Amino acid sequence: DWLRLHLTGEVATDVSDVGYFPGDIRKRNYSGELLKEAGLELSDKL
């Protein structure tokens, strides 16, 4: 995403990288529960 940002000027990501965040694998997205349990508030940065 860092390299693509330089090519396009756009911030974006895909489901495969989010899976290794790690995210919620069933929902194919970030896990709000894991972020909350880890004590991280990052929703506006993802």
PDB file of all heavy atoms in Angstrom:
ATOM      1  N   ASP A   1       0.825  -1.210   0.000  1.00  0.00           N
ATOM      2  CA  ASP A   1       0.000   0.000   0.000  1.00  0.00           C
ATOM      3  C   ASP A   1       0.860   1.261   0.000  1.00  0.00           C
ATOM      4  O   ASP A   1       0.488   2.285  -0.593  1.00  0.00           O
ATOM      5  CB  ASP A   1      -0.925  -0.004   1.210  1.00  0.00           C
ATOM      6  CG  ASP A   1      -1.786  -1.257   1.288  1.00  0.00           C
ATOM      7  OD1 ASP A   1      -2.113  -1.815   0.223  1.00  0.00           O
ATOM      8  OD2 ASP A   1      -2.129  -1.670   2.402  1.00  0.00           O
ATOM      9  N   TRP A   2       1.997   1.193   0.683  1.00  0.00           N
ATOM     10  CA  TRP A   2       2.925   2.328   0.683  1.00  0.00           C
ATOM     11  C   TRP A   2       3.455   2.578  -0.725  1.00  0.00           C
ATOM     12  O   TRP A   2       3.521   3.725  -1.188  1.00  0.00           O
ATOM     13  CB  TRP A   2       4.056   2.057   1.655  1.00  0.00           C
ATOM     14  CG  TRP A   2       5.260   2.945   1.494  1.00  0.00           C
ATOM     15  CD1 TRP A   2       6.500   2.584   1.078  1.00  0.00           C
ATOM     16  CD2 TRP A   2       5.321   4.357   1.742  1.00  0.00           C
ATOM     17  NE1 TRP A   2       7.343   3.665   1.040  1.00  0.00           N
ATOM     18  CE2 TRP A   2       6.647   4.773   1.449  1.00  0.00           C
ATOM     19  CE3 TRP A   2       4.399   5.306   2.170  1.00  0.00           C
ATOM     20  CZ2 TRP A   2       7.061   6.089   1.582  1.00  0.00           C
ATOM     21  CZ3 TRP A   2       4.814   6.636   2.309  1.00  0.00           C
ATOM     22  CH2 TRP A   2       6.118   7.010   2.017  1.00  0.00           C
ATOM     23  N   LEU A   3       3.797   1.523  -1.447  1.00  0.00           N
ATOM     24  CA  LEU A   3       4.308   1.678  -2.806  1.00  0.00           C
ATOM     25  C   LEU A   3       3.209   2.150  -3.751  1.00  0.00           C
ATOM     26  O   LEU A   3       3.432   3.013  -4.600  1.00  0.00           O
ATOM     27  CB  LEU A   3       4.906   0.352  -3.288  1.00  0.00           C
ATOM     28  CG  LEU A   3       6.054  -0.200  -2.429  1.00  0.00           C
ATOM     29  CD1 LEU A   3       6.522  -1.539  -2.980  1.00  0.00           C
ATOM     30  CD2 LEU A   3       7.209   0.781  -2.356  1.00  0.00           C
ATOM     31  N   ARG A   4       2.010   1.587  -3.591  1.00  0.00           N
ATOM     32  CA  ARG A   4       0.905   1.988  -4.465  1.00  0.00           C
ATOM     33  C   ARG A   4       0.501   3.441  -4.219  1.00  0.00           C
ATOM     34  O   ARG A   4       0.087   4.158  -5.140  1.00  0.00           O
ATOM     35  CB  ARG A   4      -0.298   1.063  -4.251  1.00  0.00           C
ATOM     36  CG  ARG A   4      -1.393   1.317  -5.275  1.00  0.00           C
ATOM     37  CD  ARG A   4      -2.646   0.503  -5.152  1.00  0.00           C
ATOM     38  NE  ARG A   4      -2.656  -0.548  -4.182  1.00  0.00           N
ATOM     39  CZ  ARG A   4      -2.951  -0.390  -2.906  1.00  0.00           C
ATOM     40  NH1 ARG A   4      -3.229   0.826  -2.433  1.00  0.00           N
ATOM     41  NH2 ARG A   4      -2.955  -1.417  -2.079  1.00  0.00           N
ATOM     42  N   LEU A   5       0.627   3.902  -2.962  1.00  0.00           N
ATOM     43  CA  LEU A   5       0.357   5.299  -2.642  1.00  0.00           C
ATOM     44  C   LEU A   5       1.211   6.224  -3.495  1.00  0.00           C
ATOM     45  O   LEU A   5       0.733   7.253  -4.005  1.00  0.00           O
ATOM     46  CB  LEU A   5       0.629   5.536  -1.152  1.00  0.00           C
ATOM     47  CG  LEU A   5       0.589   6.986  -0.648  1.00  0.00           C
ATOM     48  CD1 LEU A   5      -0.792   7.593  -0.866  1.00  0.00           C
ATOM     49  CD2 LEU A   5       0.976   7.036   0.829  1.00  0.00           C
ATOM     50  N   HIS A   6       2.484   5.852  -3.712  1.00  0.00           N
ATOM     51  CA  HIS A   6       3.363   6.677  -4.539  1.00  0.00           C
ATOM     52  C   HIS A   6       2.946   6.637  -6.014  1.00  0.00           C
ATOM     53  O   HIS A   6       3.119   7.617  -6.736  1.00  0.00           O
ATOM     54  CB  HIS A   6       4.807   6.213  -4.400  1.00  0.00           C
ATOM     55  CG  HIS A   6       5.471   6.733  -3.172  1.00  0.00           C
ATOM     56  ND1 HIS A   6       6.116   7.938  -3.121  1.00  0.00           N
ATOM     57  CD2 HIS A   6       5.567   6.207  -1.928  1.00  0.00           C
ATOM     58  CE1 HIS A   6       6.591   8.141  -1.910  1.00  0.00           C
ATOM     59  NE2 HIS A   6       6.277   7.108  -1.156  1.00  0.00           N
ATOM     60  N   LEU A   7       2.413   5.516  -6.458  1.00  0.00           N
ATOM     61  CA  LEU A   7       1.979   5.422  -7.857  1.00  0.00           C
ATOM     62  C   LEU A   7       0.695   6.192  -8.122  1.00  0.00           C
ATOM     63  O   LEU A   7       0.529   6.784  -9.191  1.00  0.00           O
ATOM     64  CB  LEU A   7       1.768   3.955  -8.244  1.00  0.00           C
ATOM     65  CG  LEU A   7       2.983   3.129  -8.653  1.00  0.00           C
ATOM     66  CD1 LEU A   7       2.544   1.712  -8.983  1.00  0.00           C
ATOM     67  CD2 LEU A   7       3.706   3.754  -9.846  1.00  0.00           C
ATOM     68  N   THR A   8      -0.226   6.169  -7.146  1.00  0.00           N
ATOM     69  CA  THR A   8      -1.581   6.668  -7.411  1.00  0.00           C
ATOM     70  C   THR A   8      -1.985   7.878  -6.583  1.00  0.00           C
ATOM     71  O   THR A   8      -2.952   8.564  -6.933  1.00  0.00           O
ATOM     72  CB  THR A   8      -2.604   5.557  -7.125  1.00  0.00           C
ATOM     73  OG1 THR A   8      -2.603   5.265  -5.715  1.00  0.00           O
ATOM     74  CG2 THR A   8      -2.288   4.298  -7.912  1.00  0.00           C
ATOM     75  N   GLY A   9      -1.282   8.123  -5.466  1.00  0.00           N
ATOM     76  CA  GLY A   9      -1.703   9.181  -4.565  1.00  0.00           C
ATOM     77  C   GLY A   9      -2.887   8.796  -3.700  1.00  0.00           C
ATOM     78  O   GLY A   9      -3.402   9.627  -2.939  1.00  0.00           O
ATOM     79  N   GLU A  10      -3.331   7.546  -3.794  1.00  0.00           N
ATOM     80  CA  GLU A  10      -4.515   7.076  -3.070  1.00  0.00           C
ATOM     81  C   GLU A  10      -4.126   6.122  -1.949  1.00  0.00           C
ATOM     82  O   GLU A  10      -3.247   5.279  -2.116  1.00  0.00           O
ATOM     83  CB  GLU A  10      -5.477   6.347  -4.019  1.00  0.00           C
ATOM     84  CG  GLU A  10      -5.946   7.180  -5.203  1.00  0.00           C
ATOM     85  CD  GLU A  10      -6.913   8.282  -4.798  1.00  0.00           C
ATOM     86  OE1 GLU A  10      -7.488   8.197  -3.682  1.00  0.00           O
ATOM     87  OE2 GLU A  10      -7.089   9.224  -5.581  1.00  0.00           O
ATOM     88  N   VAL A  11      -4.803   6.257  -0.800  1.00  0.00           N
ATOM     89  CA  VAL A  11      -4.624   5.344   0.321  1.00  0.00           C
ATOM     90  C   VAL A  11      -5.653   4.226   0.209  1.00  0.00           C
ATOM     91  O   VAL A  11      -6.853   4.492   0.121  1.00  0.00           O
ATOM     92  CB  VAL A  11      -4.781   6.071   1.667  1.00  0.00           C
ATOM     93  CG1 VAL A  11      -4.731   5.079   2.830  1.00  0.00           C
ATOM     94  CG2 VAL A  11      -3.698   7.136   1.831  1.00  0.00           C
ATOM     95  N   ALA A  12      -5.197   2.986   0.191  1.00  0.00           N
ATOM     96  CA  ALA A  12      -6.114   1.845   0.078  1.00  0.00           C
ATOM     97  C   ALA A  12      -5.397   0.591   0.555  1.00  0.00           C
ATOM     98  O   ALA A  12      -4.166   0.560   0.668  1.00  0.00           O
ATOM     99  CB  ALA A  12      -6.588   1.670  -1.366  1.00  0.00           C
ATOM    100  N   THR A  13      -6.176  -0.455   0.822  1.00  0.00           N
ATOM    101  CA  THR A  13      -5.592  -1.753   1.142  1.00  0.00           C
ATOM    102  C   THR A  13      -6.524  -2.844   0.633  1.00  0.00           C
ATOM    103  O   THR A  13      -7.563  -2.564   0.036  1.00  0.00           O
ATOM    104  CB  THR A  13      -5.318  -1.904   2.650  1.00  0.00           C
ATOM    105  OG1 THR A  13      -4.463  -3.031   2.849  1.00  0.00           O
ATOM    106  CG2 THR A  13      -6.596  -2.098   3.437  1.00  0.00           C
ATOM    107  N   ASP A  14      -6.140  -4.112   0.868  1.00  0.00           N
ATOM    108  CA  ASP A  14      -6.975  -5.226   0.395  1.00  0.00           C
ATOM    109  C   ASP A  14      -7.193  -6.224   1.522  1.00  0.00           C
ATOM    110  O   ASP A  14      -6.556  -6.159   2.578  1.00  0.00           O
ATOM    111  CB  ASP A  14      -6.313  -5.916  -0.803  1.00  0.00           C
ATOM    112  CG  ASP A  14      -5.372  -7.025  -0.389  1.00  0.00           C
ATOM    113  OD1 ASP A  14      -4.430  -6.735   0.373  1.00  0.00           O
ATOM    114  OD2 ASP A  14      -5.584  -8.175  -0.806  1.00  0.00           O
ATOM    115  N   VAL A  15      -8.095  -7.186   1.278  1.00  0.00           N
ATOM    116  CA  VAL A  15      -8.495  -8.127   2.324  1.00  0.00           C
ATOM    117  C   VAL A  15      -7.373  -9.071   2.734  1.00  0.00           C
ATOM    118  O   VAL A  15      -7.354  -9.552   3.868  1.00  0.00           O
ATOM    119  CB  VAL A  15      -9.722  -8.957   1.871  1.00  0.00           C
ATOM    120  CG1 VAL A  15     -10.955  -8.070   1.742  1.00  0.00           C
ATOM    121  CG2 VAL A  15      -9.444  -9.687   0.558  1.00  0.00           C
ATOM    122  N   SER A  16      -6.423  -9.353   1.858  1.00  0.00           N
ATOM    123  CA  SER A  16      -5.372 -10.310   2.219  1.00  0.00           C
ATOM    124  C   SER A  16      -4.424  -9.732   3.256  1.00  0.00           C
ATOM    125  O   SER A  16      -3.992 -10.440   4.174  1.00  0.00           O
ATOM    126  CB  SER A  16      -4.607 -10.769   0.970  1.00  0.00           C
ATOM    127  OG  SER A  16      -3.830  -9.733   0.410  1.00  0.00           O
ATOM    128  N   ASP A  17      -4.076  -8.466   3.154  1.00  0.00           N
ATOM    129  CA  ASP A  17      -3.220  -7.856   4.170  1.00  0.00           C
ATOM    130  C   ASP A  17      -3.971  -7.683   5.489  1.00  0.00           C
ATOM    131  O   ASP A  17      -3.393  -7.858   6.567  1.00  0.00           O
ATOM    132  CB  ASP A  17      -2.699  -6.502   3.684  1.00  0.00           C
ATOM    133  CG  ASP A  17      -1.238  -6.558   3.251  1.00  0.00           C
ATOM    134  OD1 ASP A  17      -0.463  -7.292   3.889  1.00  0.00           O
ATOM    135  OD2 ASP A  17      -0.874  -5.887   2.279  1.00  0.00           O
ATOM    136  N   VAL A  18      -5.254  -7.354   5.412  1.00  0.00           N
ATOM    137  CA  VAL A  18      -6.041  -7.160   6.634  1.00  0.00           C
ATOM    138  C   VAL A  18      -6.162  -8.465   7.416  1.00  0.00           C
ATOM    139  O   VAL A  18      -6.170  -8.472   8.651  1.00  0.00           O
ATOM    140  CB  VAL A  18      -7.434  -6.596   6.286  1.00  0.00           C
ATOM    141  CG1 VAL A  18      -8.362  -6.637   7.489  1.00  0.00           C
ATOM    142  CG2 VAL A  18      -7.301  -5.162   5.774  1.00  0.00           C
ATOM    143  N   GLY A  19      -6.196  -9.596   6.703  1.00  0.00           N
ATOM    144  CA  GLY A  19      -6.272 -10.884   7.382  1.00  0.00           C
ATOM    145  C   GLY A  19      -5.122 -11.105   8.328  1.00  0.00           C
ATOM    146  O   GLY A  19      -5.270 -11.719   9.392  1.00  0.00           O
ATOM    147  N   TYR A  20      -3.938 -10.587   7.962  1.00  0.00           N
ATOM    148  CA  TYR A  20      -2.748 -10.741   8.785  1.00  0.00           C
ATOM    149  C   TYR A  20      -2.577  -9.611   9.797  1.00  0.00           C
ATOM    150  O   TYR A  20      -1.535  -9.518  10.447  1.00  0.00           O
ATOM    151  CB  TYR A  20      -1.497 -10.803   7.903  1.00  0.00           C
ATOM    152  CG  TYR A  20      -1.341 -12.067   7.096  1.00  0.00           C
ATOM    153  CD1 TYR A  20      -0.741 -12.036   5.838  1.00  0.00           C
ATOM    154  CD2 TYR A  20      -1.776 -13.302   7.577  1.00  0.00           C
ATOM    155  CE1 TYR A  20      -0.577 -13.197   5.089  1.00  0.00           C
ATOM    156  CE2 TYR A  20      -1.628 -14.455   6.839  1.00  0.00           C
ATOM    157  CZ  TYR A  20      -1.022 -14.401   5.597  1.00  0.00           C
ATOM    158  OH  TYR A  20      -0.867 -15.551   4.867  1.00  0.00           O
ATOM    159  N   PHE A  21      -3.591  -8.757   9.936  1.00  0.00           N
ATOM    160  CA  PHE A  21      -3.441  -7.643  10.885  1.00  0.00           C
ATOM    161  C   PHE A  21      -3.200  -8.130  12.316  1.00  0.00           C
ATOM    162  O   PHE A  21      -2.368  -7.506  13.003  1.00  0.00           O
ATOM    163  CB  PHE A  21      -4.687  -6.747  10.799  1.00  0.00           C
ATOM    164  CG  PHE A  21      -4.560  -5.474  11.575  1.00  0.00           C
ATOM    165  CD1 PHE A  21      -3.800  -4.425  11.089  1.00  0.00           C
ATOM    166  CD2 PHE A  21      -5.163  -5.339  12.812  1.00  0.00           C
ATOM    167  CE1 PHE A  21      -3.660  -3.249  11.816  1.00  0.00           C
ATOM    168  CE2 PHE A  21      -5.029  -4.175  13.541  1.00  0.00           C
ATOM    169  CZ  PHE A  21      -4.282  -3.127  13.042  1.00  0.00           C
ATOM    170  N   PRO A  22      -3.822  -9.142  12.873  1.00  0.00           N
ATOM    171  CA  PRO A  22      -4.863  -9.978  12.274  1.00  0.00           C
ATOM    172  C   PRO A  22      -6.249  -9.365  12.438  1.00  0.00           C
ATOM    173  O   PRO A  22      -6.500  -8.612  13.375  1.00  0.00           O
ATOM    174  CB  PRO A  22      -4.749 -11.274  13.081  1.00  0.00           C
ATOM    175  CG  PRO A  22      -4.278 -10.835  14.422  1.00  0.00           C
ATOM    176  CD  PRO A  22      -3.400  -9.634  14.203  1.00  0.00           C
ATOM    177  N   GLY A  23      -7.137  -9.750  11.495  1.00  0.00           N
ATOM    178  CA  GLY A  23      -8.493  -9.247  11.540  1.00  0.00           C
ATOM    179  C   GLY A  23      -9.486 -10.323  11.923  1.00  0.00           C
ATOM    180  O   GLY A  23      -9.122 -11.355  12.486  1.00  0.00           O
ATOM    181  N   ASP A  24     -10.728 -10.090  11.578  1.00  0.00           N
ATOM    182  CA  ASP A  24     -11.781 -11.086  11.775  1.00  0.00           C
ATOM    183  C   ASP A  24     -11.861 -11.897  10.492  1.00  0.00           C
ATOM    184  O   ASP A  24     -12.366 -11.422   9.476  1.00  0.00           O
ATOM    185  CB  ASP A  24     -13.114 -10.396  12.073  1.00  0.00           C
ATOM    186  CG  ASP A  24     -14.203 -11.383  12.451  1.00  0.00           C
ATOM    187  OD1 ASP A  24     -14.264 -12.477  11.834  1.00  0.00           O
ATOM    188  OD2 ASP A  24     -15.017 -11.067  13.336  1.00  0.00           O
ATOM    189  N   ILE A  25     -11.336 -13.121  10.516  1.00  0.00           N
ATOM    190  CA  ILE A  25     -11.193 -13.895   9.284  1.00  0.00           C
ATOM    191  C   ILE A  25     -12.543 -14.260   8.684  1.00  0.00           C
ATOM    192  O   ILE A  25     -12.680 -14.363   7.462  1.00  0.00           O
ATOM    193  CB  ILE A  25     -10.338 -15.159   9.540  1.00  0.00           C
ATOM    194  CG1 ILE A  25      -9.871 -15.779   8.232  1.00  0.00           C
ATOM    195  CG2 ILE A  25     -11.076 -16.151  10.407  1.00  0.00           C
ATOM    196  CD1 ILE A  25      -8.944 -14.913   7.424  1.00  0.00           C
ATOM    197  N   ARG A  26     -13.552 -14.440   9.515  1.00  0.00           N
ATOM    198  CA  ARG A  26     -14.872 -14.798   8.988  1.00  0.00           C
ATOM    199  C   ARG A  26     -15.515 -13.629   8.259  1.00  0.00           C
ATOM    200  O   ARG A  26     -16.191 -13.815   7.245  1.00  0.00           O
ATOM    201  CB  ARG A  26     -15.778 -15.273  10.127  1.00  0.00           C
ATOM    202  CG  ARG A  26     -15.281 -16.544  10.836  1.00  0.00           C
ATOM    203  CD  ARG A  26     -16.165 -16.860  12.043  1.00  0.00           C
ATOM    204  NE  ARG A  26     -15.728 -18.046  12.759  1.00  0.00           N
ATOM    205  CZ  ARG A  26     -14.830 -18.032  13.737  1.00  0.00           C
ATOM    206  NH1 ARG A  26     -14.239 -16.878  14.092  1.00  0.00           N
ATOM    207  NH2 ARG A  26     -14.494 -19.149  14.356  1.00  0.00           N
ATOM    208  N   LYS A  27     -15.305 -12.422   8.762  1.00  0.00           N
ATOM    209  CA  LYS A  27     -15.902 -11.223   8.170  1.00  0.00           C
ATOM    210  C   LYS A  27     -15.036 -10.619   7.072  1.00  0.00           C
ATOM    211  O   LYS A  27     -15.466  -9.677   6.406  1.00  0.00           O
ATOM    212  CB  LYS A  27     -16.150 -10.177   9.252  1.00  0.00           C
ATOM    213  CG  LYS A  27     -17.176 -10.601  10.288  1.00  0.00           C
ATOM    214  CD  LYS A  27     -17.376  -9.520  11.342  1.00  0.00           C
ATOM    215  CE  LYS A  27     -18.405  -9.938  12.379  1.00  0.00           C
ATOM    216  NZ  LYS A  27     -18.578  -8.896  13.437  1.00  0.00           N
ATOM    217  N   ARG A  28     -13.813 -11.136   6.890  1.00  0.00           N
ATOM    218  CA  ARG A  28     -12.877 -10.609   5.892  1.00  0.00           C
ATOM    219  C   ARG A  28     -12.649  -9.109   6.089  1.00  0.00           C
ATOM    220  O   ARG A  28     -12.635  -8.325   5.152  1.00  0.00           O
ATOM    221  CB  ARG A  28     -13.390 -10.904   4.468  1.00  0.00           C
ATOM    222  CG  ARG A  28     -13.541 -12.399   4.176  1.00  0.00           C
ATOM    223  CD  ARG A  28     -14.265 -12.670   2.863  1.00  0.00           C
ATOM    224  NE  ARG A  28     -13.481 -12.333   1.703  1.00  0.00           N
ATOM    225  CZ  ARG A  28     -12.655 -13.171   1.076  1.00  0.00           C
ATOM    226  NH1 ARG A  28     -12.509 -14.400   1.510  1.00  0.00           N
ATOM    227  NH2 ARG A  28     -11.986 -12.773   0.001  1.00  0.00           N
ATOM    228  N   ASN A  29     -12.448  -8.726   7.361  1.00  0.00           N
ATOM    229  CA  ASN A  29     -12.292  -7.311   7.691  1.00  0.00           C
ATOM    230  C   ASN A  29     -11.527  -7.195   9.014  1.00  0.00           C
ATOM    231  O   ASN A  29     -11.173  -8.190   9.631  1.00  0.00           O
ATOM    232  CB  ASN A  29     -13.661  -6.646   7.806  1.00  0.00           C
ATOM    233  CG  ASN A  29     -13.620  -5.168   7.429  1.00  0.00           C
ATOM    234  OD1 ASN A  29     -12.616  -4.487   7.632  1.00  0.00           O
ATOM    235  ND2 ASN A  29     -14.721  -4.665   6.886  1.00  0.00           N
ATOM    236  N   TYR A  30     -11.269  -5.961   9.434  1.00  0.00           N
ATOM    237  CA  TYR A  30     -10.643  -5.742  10.728  1.00  0.00           C
ATOM    238  C   TYR A  30     -11.563  -6.254  11.839  1.00  0.00           C
ATOM    239  O   TYR A  30     -12.781  -6.346  11.668  1.00  0.00           O
ATOM    240  CB  TYR A  30     -10.365  -4.258  10.957  1.00  0.00           C
ATOM    241  CG  TYR A  30      -9.445  -3.633   9.955  1.00  0.00           C
ATOM    242  CD1 TYR A  30      -9.956  -2.852   8.917  1.00  0.00           C
ATOM    243  CD2 TYR A  30      -8.067  -3.800  10.035  1.00  0.00           C
ATOM    244  CE1 TYR A  30      -9.113  -2.265   7.973  1.00  0.00           C
ATOM    245  CE2 TYR A  30      -7.219  -3.209   9.103  1.00  0.00           C
ATOM    246  CZ  TYR A  30      -7.755  -2.447   8.077  1.00  0.00           C
ATOM    247  OH  TYR A  30      -6.922  -1.877   7.152  1.00  0.00           O
ATOM    248  N   SER A  31     -10.964  -6.549  12.981  1.00  0.00           N
ATOM    249  CA  SER A  31     -11.733  -7.000  14.132  1.00  0.00           C
ATOM    250  C   SER A  31     -11.783  -5.907  15.183  1.00  0.00           C
ATOM    251  O   SER A  31     -10.779  -5.610  15.836  1.00  0.00           O
ATOM    252  CB  SER A  31     -11.115  -8.268  14.739  1.00  0.00           C
ATOM    253  OG  SER A  31     -11.715  -8.569  15.985  1.00  0.00           O
ATOM    254  N   GLY A  32     -12.955  -5.308  15.343  1.00  0.00           N
ATOM    255  CA  GLY A  32     -13.124  -4.306  16.386  1.00  0.00           C
ATOM    256  C   GLY A  32     -12.918  -4.900  17.765  1.00  0.00           C
ATOM    257  O   GLY A  32     -12.387  -4.240  18.671  1.00  0.00           O
ATOM    258  N   GLU A  33     -13.291  -6.176  17.931  1.00  0.00           N
ATOM    259  CA  GLU A  33     -13.146  -6.829  19.234  1.00  0.00           C
ATOM    260  C   GLU A  33     -11.680  -6.976  19.610  1.00  0.00           C
ATOM    261  O   GLU A  33     -11.288  -6.695  20.755  1.00  0.00           O
ATOM    262  CB  GLU A  33     -13.826  -8.197  19.199  1.00  0.00           C
ATOM    263  CG  GLU A  33     -13.762  -8.938  20.530  1.00  0.00           C
ATOM    264  CD  GLU A  33     -14.487 -10.276  20.502  1.00  0.00           C
ATOM    265  OE1 GLU A  33     -15.203 -10.538  19.515  1.00  0.00           O
ATOM    266  OE2 GLU A  33     -14.314 -11.053  21.463  1.00  0.00           O
ATOM    267  N   LEU A  34     -10.846  -7.410  18.660  1.00  0.00           N
ATOM    268  CA  LEU A  34      -9.424  -7.575  18.960  1.00  0.00           C
ATOM    269  C   LEU A  34      -8.761  -6.227  19.243  1.00  0.00           C
ATOM    270  O   LEU A  34      -7.925  -6.120  20.147  1.00  0.00           O
ATOM    271  CB  LEU A  34      -8.713  -8.287  17.814  1.00  0.00           C
ATOM    272  CG  LEU A  34      -9.049  -9.773  17.619  1.00  0.00           C
ATOM    273  CD1 LEU A  34      -8.228 -10.356  16.471  1.00  0.00           C
ATOM    274  CD2 LEU A  34      -8.798 -10.558  18.901  1.00  0.00           C
ATOM    275  N   LEU A  35      -9.113  -5.223  18.474  1.00  0.00           N
ATOM    276  CA  LEU A  35      -8.544  -3.894  18.707  1.00  0.00           C
ATOM    277  C   LEU A  35      -8.918  -3.376  20.099  1.00  0.00           C
ATOM    278  O   LEU A  35      -8.080  -2.832  20.826  1.00  0.00           O
ATOM    279  CB  LEU A  35      -9.030  -2.922  17.635  1.00  0.00           C
ATOM    280  CG  LEU A  35      -8.415  -3.087  16.244  1.00  0.00           C
ATOM    281  CD1 LEU A  35      -9.206  -2.303  15.211  1.00  0.00           C
ATOM    282  CD2 LEU A  35      -6.963  -2.641  16.254  1.00  0.00           C
ATOM    283  N   LYS A  36     -10.181  -3.581  20.475  1.00  0.00           N
ATOM    284  CA  LYS A  36     -10.639  -3.130  21.793  1.00  0.00           C
ATOM    285  C   LYS A  36      -9.921  -3.881  22.902  1.00  0.00           C
ATOM    286  O   LYS A  36      -9.445  -3.274  23.870  1.00  0.00           O
ATOM    287  CB  LYS A  36     -12.153  -3.330  21.905  1.00  0.00           C
ATOM    288  CG  LYS A  36     -12.732  -2.856  23.230  1.00  0.00           C
ATOM    289  CD  LYS A  36     -14.243  -3.056  23.253  1.00  0.00           C
ATOM    290  CE  LYS A  36     -14.818  -2.606  24.607  1.00  0.00           C
ATOM    291  NZ  LYS A  36     -16.292  -2.822  24.655  1.00  0.00           N
ATOM    292  N   GLU A  37      -9.817  -5.213  22.765  1.00  0.00           N
ATOM    293  CA  GLU A  37      -9.162  -6.022  23.796  1.00  0.00           C
ATOM    294  C   GLU A  37      -7.682  -5.695  23.905  1.00  0.00           C
ATOM    295  O   GLU A  37      -7.087  -5.806  24.985  1.00  0.00           O
ATOM    296  CB  GLU A  37      -9.347  -7.512  23.480  1.00  0.00           C
ATOM    297  CG  GLU A  37     -10.756  -8.027  23.673  1.00  0.00           C
ATOM    298  CD  GLU A  37     -11.213  -7.944  25.123  1.00  0.00           C
ATOM    299  OE1 GLU A  37     -10.381  -8.204  26.026  1.00  0.00           O
ATOM    300  OE2 GLU A  37     -12.385  -7.603  25.351  1.00  0.00           O
ATOM    301  N   ALA A  38      -7.064  -5.271  22.782  1.00  0.00           N
ATOM    302  CA  ALA A  38      -5.647  -4.895  22.805  1.00  0.00           C
ATOM    303  C   ALA A  38      -5.433  -3.478  23.307  1.00  0.00           C
ATOM    304  O   ALA A  38      -4.286  -3.034  23.456  1.00  0.00           O
ATOM    305  CB  ALA A  38      -5.046  -5.047  21.413  1.00  0.00           C
ATOM    306  N   GLY A  39      -6.518  -2.747  23.563  1.00  0.00           N
ATOM    307  CA  GLY A  39      -6.417  -1.390  24.074  1.00  0.00           C
ATOM    308  C   GLY A  39      -6.015  -0.378  23.020  1.00  0.00           C
ATOM    309  O   GLY A  39      -5.387   0.640  23.332  1.00  0.00           O
ATOM    310  N   LEU A  40      -6.415  -0.624  21.761  1.00  0.00           N
ATOM    311  CA  LEU A  40      -6.045   0.260  20.656  1.00  0.00           C
ATOM    312  C   LEU A  40      -7.279   0.875  20.024  1.00  0.00           C
ATOM    313  O   LEU A  40      -8.252   0.167  19.698  1.00  0.00           O
ATOM    314  CB  LEU A  40      -5.266  -0.525  19.594  1.00  0.00           C
ATOM    315  CG  LEU A  40      -3.916  -1.106  20.035  1.00  0.00           C
ATOM    316  CD1 LEU A  40      -3.399  -2.070  18.980  1.00  0.00           C
ATOM    317  CD2 LEU A  40      -2.902   0.003  20.295  1.00  0.00           C
ATOM    318  N   GLU A  41      -7.260   2.181  19.832  1.00  0.00           N
ATOM    319  CA  GLU A  41      -8.332   2.881  19.122  1.00  0.00           C
ATOM    320  C   GLU A  41      -7.751   3.393  17.813  1.00  0.00           C
ATOM    321  O   GLU A  41      -7.070   4.421  17.763  1.00  0.00           O
ATOM    322  CB  GLU A  41      -8.861   4.049  19.971  1.00  0.00           C
ATOM    323  CG  GLU A  41      -9.944   4.867  19.271  1.00  0.00           C
ATOM    324  CD  GLU A  41     -11.052   4.017  18.673  1.00  0.00           C
ATOM    325  OE1 GLU A  41     -11.731   3.308  19.436  1.00  0.00           O
ATOM    326  OE2 GLU A  41     -11.226   4.058  17.429  1.00  0.00           O
ATOM    327  N   LEU A  42      -8.027   2.655  16.741  1.00  0.00           N
ATOM    328  CA  LEU A  42      -7.371   2.930  15.455  1.00  0.00           C
ATOM    329  C   LEU A  42      -8.355   3.065  14.301  1.00  0.00           C
ATOM    330  O   LEU A  42      -7.933   3.135  13.149  1.00  0.00           O
ATOM    331  CB  LEU A  42      -6.393   1.786  15.127  1.00  0.00           C
ATOM    332  CG  LEU A  42      -5.305   1.474  16.151  1.00  0.00           C
ATOM    333  CD1 LEU A  42      -4.551   0.210  15.736  1.00  0.00           C
ATOM    334  CD2 LEU A  42      -4.335   2.632  16.287  1.00  0.00           C
ATOM    335  N   SER A  43      -9.635   3.107  14.578  1.00  0.00           N
ATOM    336  CA  SER A  43     -10.623   3.033  13.503  1.00  0.00           C
ATOM    337  C   SER A  43     -10.447   4.127  12.456  1.00  0.00           C
ATOM    338  O   SER A  43     -10.716   3.914  11.269  1.00  0.00           O
ATOM    339  CB  SER A  43     -12.044   3.106  14.088  1.00  0.00           C
ATOM    340  OG  SER A  43     -12.201   4.293  14.860  1.00  0.00           O
ATOM    341  N   ASP A  44      -9.957   5.305  12.850  1.00  0.00           N
ATOM    342  CA  ASP A  44      -9.801   6.398  11.888  1.00  0.00           C
ATOM    343  C   ASP A  44      -8.468   6.335  11.146  1.00  0.00           C
ATOM    344  O   ASP A  44      -8.185   7.157  10.281  1.00  0.00           O
ATOM    345  CB  ASP A  44      -9.918   7.747  12.598  1.00  0.00           C
ATOM    346  CG  ASP A  44      -8.833   7.959  13.661  1.00  0.00           C
ATOM    347  OD1 ASP A  44      -8.308   6.941  14.174  1.00  0.00           O
ATOM    348  OD2 ASP A  44      -8.514   9.116  13.976  1.00  0.00           O
ATOM    349  N   LYS A  45      -7.633   5.328  11.468  1.00  0.00           N
ATOM    350  CA  LYS A  45      -6.322   5.203  10.831  1.00  0.00           C
ATOM    351  C   LYS A  45      -6.260   4.025   9.851  1.00  0.00           C
ATOM    352  O   LYS A  45      -5.225   3.817   9.208  1.00  0.00           O
ATOM    353  CB  LYS A  45      -5.233   5.020  11.893  1.00  0.00           C
ATOM    354  CG  LYS A  45      -5.187   6.119  12.959  1.00  0.00           C
ATOM    355  CD  LYS A  45      -4.127   5.829  13.999  1.00  0.00           C
ATOM    356  CE  LYS A  45      -4.225   6.758  15.201  1.00  0.00           C
ATOM    357  NZ  LYS A  45      -3.958   8.169  14.860  1.00  0.00           N
ATOM    358  N   LEU A  46      -7.341   3.250   9.739  1.00  0.00           N
ATOM    359  CA  LEU A  46      -7.350   2.032   8.945  1.00  0.00           C
ATOM    360  C   LEU A  46      -8.256   2.172   7.732  1.00  0.00           C
ATOM    361  O   LEU A  46      -9.409   2.605   7.858  1.00  0.00           O
ATOM    362  CB  LEU A  46      -7.808   0.849   9.798  1.00  0.00           C
ATOM    363  CG  LEU A  46      -6.995   0.590  11.068  1.00  0.00           C
ATOM    364  CD1 LEU A  46      -7.655  -0.490  11.908  1.00  0.00           C
ATOM    365  CD2 LEU A  46      -5.565   0.198  10.721  1.00  0.00           C
TER     366      LEU A  46
END
